[in-house]
Amino acid sequence: MKLPMDDEHAALFTVGQVADMLQVQQAFLRRIDTQQVVSPQRSAGGQRRYSRSEIGRIQQVVTMMDEGMTLPAIRRILELQHELAEITRERDELTRLLAARSRAGAPPGTAGR
């Protein structure tokens, strides 16, 4: 049985909990949400809820800010990292499909025909 706490994308943590965990101000968490650097989910009552995955992303943001980066620059870096991950997944899937076709004896260059 999989529990919500086992899911890294389950939004379980409040603003106060995350602020305490990461030793940042709650206002900072609201600011990076407003600036669309991190987008926490909302509870039925409209309160921000963070997942373990988002907490990791916030840790990245804090580190980059400590290195002197601005929030717009950090947001762009995170966007580019996401795009790169998507392209890498697509490449890996295409590689897998080509390898499967090759094993099946299909001539190269006939993918999708």
Protein backbone atom coordinates (compact mmCIF):
# COMPACT_ATOMS: atom_id res chain seq x y z
CA MET A 1 0.00 0.00 0.00
CA LYS A 2 1.45 3.33 -1.07
CA LEU A 3 1.04 6.15 1.42
CA PRO A 4 0.82 9.84 0.42
CA MET A 5 4.10 10.50 2.22
CA ASP A 6 5.78 7.99 -0.13
CA ASP A 7 4.85 10.10 -3.15
CA GLU A 8 7.41 12.86 -3.74
CA HIS A 9 4.75 14.88 -5.58
CA ALA A 10 2.08 14.69 -2.85
CA ALA A 11 1.44 18.20 -1.54
CA LEU A 12 1.67 17.58 2.20
CA PHE A 13 3.60 20.51 3.69
CA THR A 14 2.32 23.97 4.68
CA VAL A 15 4.14 27.25 4.17
CA GLY A 16 5.07 27.34 7.86
CA GLN A 17 6.44 23.80 7.83
CA VAL A 18 8.56 24.43 4.72
CA ALA A 19 9.82 27.77 6.07
CA ASP A 20 10.89 26.03 9.29
CA MET A 21 12.51 23.10 7.43
CA LEU A 22 14.54 25.32 5.12
CA GLN A 23 15.07 28.19 7.55
CA VAL A 24 13.57 30.76 5.19
CA GLN A 25 10.86 33.36 5.69
CA GLN A 26 7.27 32.54 4.76
CA ALA A 27 7.24 35.77 2.73
CA PHE A 28 10.11 34.35 0.64
CA LEU A 29 8.02 31.27 -0.19
CA ARG A 30 5.07 33.44 -1.17
CA ARG A 31 7.36 35.61 -3.32
CA ILE A 32 8.81 32.70 -5.28
CA ASP A 33 5.25 31.46 -5.84
CA THR A 34 4.15 34.89 -7.08
CA GLN A 35 7.23 35.04 -9.35
CA GLN A 36 6.31 31.55 -10.66
CA VAL A 37 9.63 30.03 -9.65
CA VAL A 38 7.84 27.35 -7.62
CA SER A 39 4.13 26.60 -7.95
CA PRO A 40 2.75 24.83 -4.89
CA GLN A 41 -0.64 23.18 -5.02
CA ARG A 42 -3.55 24.68 -3.11
CA SER A 43 -5.68 23.05 -0.44
CA ALA A 44 -9.49 23.21 -0.62
CA GLY A 45 -9.22 26.34 1.56
CA GLY A 46 -6.72 27.98 -0.83
CA GLN A 47 -3.63 27.43 1.34
CA ARG A 48 -0.31 26.61 -0.33
CA ARG A 49 0.82 23.00 0.01
CA TYR A 50 4.29 21.83 -0.97
CA SER A 51 5.53 18.41 -2.04
CA ARG A 52 8.97 16.95 -1.32
CA SER A 53 9.83 17.60 -4.96
CA GLU A 54 8.96 21.30 -4.62
CA ILE A 55 10.93 21.53 -1.39
CA GLY A 56 13.97 20.25 -3.28
CA ARG A 57 13.38 22.89 -5.94
CA ILE A 58 13.16 25.58 -3.23
CA GLN A 59 16.50 24.38 -1.86
CA GLN A 60 17.95 24.87 -5.36
CA VAL A 61 16.48 28.39 -5.48
CA VAL A 62 18.00 29.28 -2.10
CA THR A 63 21.41 27.99 -3.21
CA MET A 64 21.27 29.96 -6.48
CA MET A 65 20.19 33.12 -4.67
CA ASP A 66 23.10 32.66 -2.24
CA GLU A 67 25.32 32.60 -5.34
CA GLY A 68 23.92 35.99 -6.39
CA MET A 69 21.35 35.00 -9.01
CA THR A 70 18.09 36.88 -9.43
CA LEU A 71 14.67 35.23 -9.33
CA PRO A 72 14.02 35.83 -13.06
CA ALA A 73 17.38 34.19 -13.89
CA ILE A 74 16.64 31.28 -11.55
CA ARG A 75 13.19 30.80 -13.09
CA ARG A 76 14.74 30.67 -16.58
CA ILE A 77 17.40 28.18 -15.48
CA LEU A 78 14.73 25.94 -13.96
CA GLU A 79 12.62 26.22 -17.14
CA LEU A 80 15.62 25.24 -19.28
CA GLN A 81 16.40 22.31 -16.98
CA HIS A 82 12.80 21.11 -17.38
CA GLU A 83 12.98 21.47 -21.18
CA LEU A 84 16.27 19.57 -21.28
CA ALA A 85 14.78 16.76 -19.19
CA GLU A 86 11.82 16.52 -21.61
CA ILE A 87 14.11 16.42 -24.65
CA THR A 88 16.29 13.79 -22.98
CA ARG A 89 13.21 11.64 -22.27
CA GLU A 90 12.08 11.99 -25.91
CA ARG A 91 15.56 11.05 -27.17
CA ASP A 92 15.69 8.02 -24.89
CA GLU A 93 12.25 6.88 -26.07
CA LEU A 94 13.25 7.26 -29.72
CA THR A 95 16.47 5.35 -29.06
CA ARG A 96 14.46 2.58 -27.42
CA LEU A 97 12.03 2.44 -30.36
CA LEU A 98 14.84 2.35 -32.91
CA ALA A 99 16.61 -0.41 -31.00
CA ALA A 100 13.38 -2.42 -30.87
CA ARG A 101 12.87 -2.00 -34.63
CA SER A 102 16.46 -3.00 -35.26
CA ARG A 103 16.03 -6.15 -33.19
CA ALA A 104 12.84 -6.92 -35.13
CA GLY A 105 14.77 -6.72 -38.41
CA ALA A 106 13.28 -3.51 -39.80
CA PRO A 107 15.63 -1.70 -42.20
CA PRO A 108 17.11 1.56 -40.83
CA GLY A 109 15.27 4.70 -41.88
CA THR A 110 11.84 3.03 -42.04
CA ALA A 111 10.62 4.10 -38.61
CA GLY A 112 6.93 4.94 -38.72
CA ARG A 113 6.35 3.45 -42.19
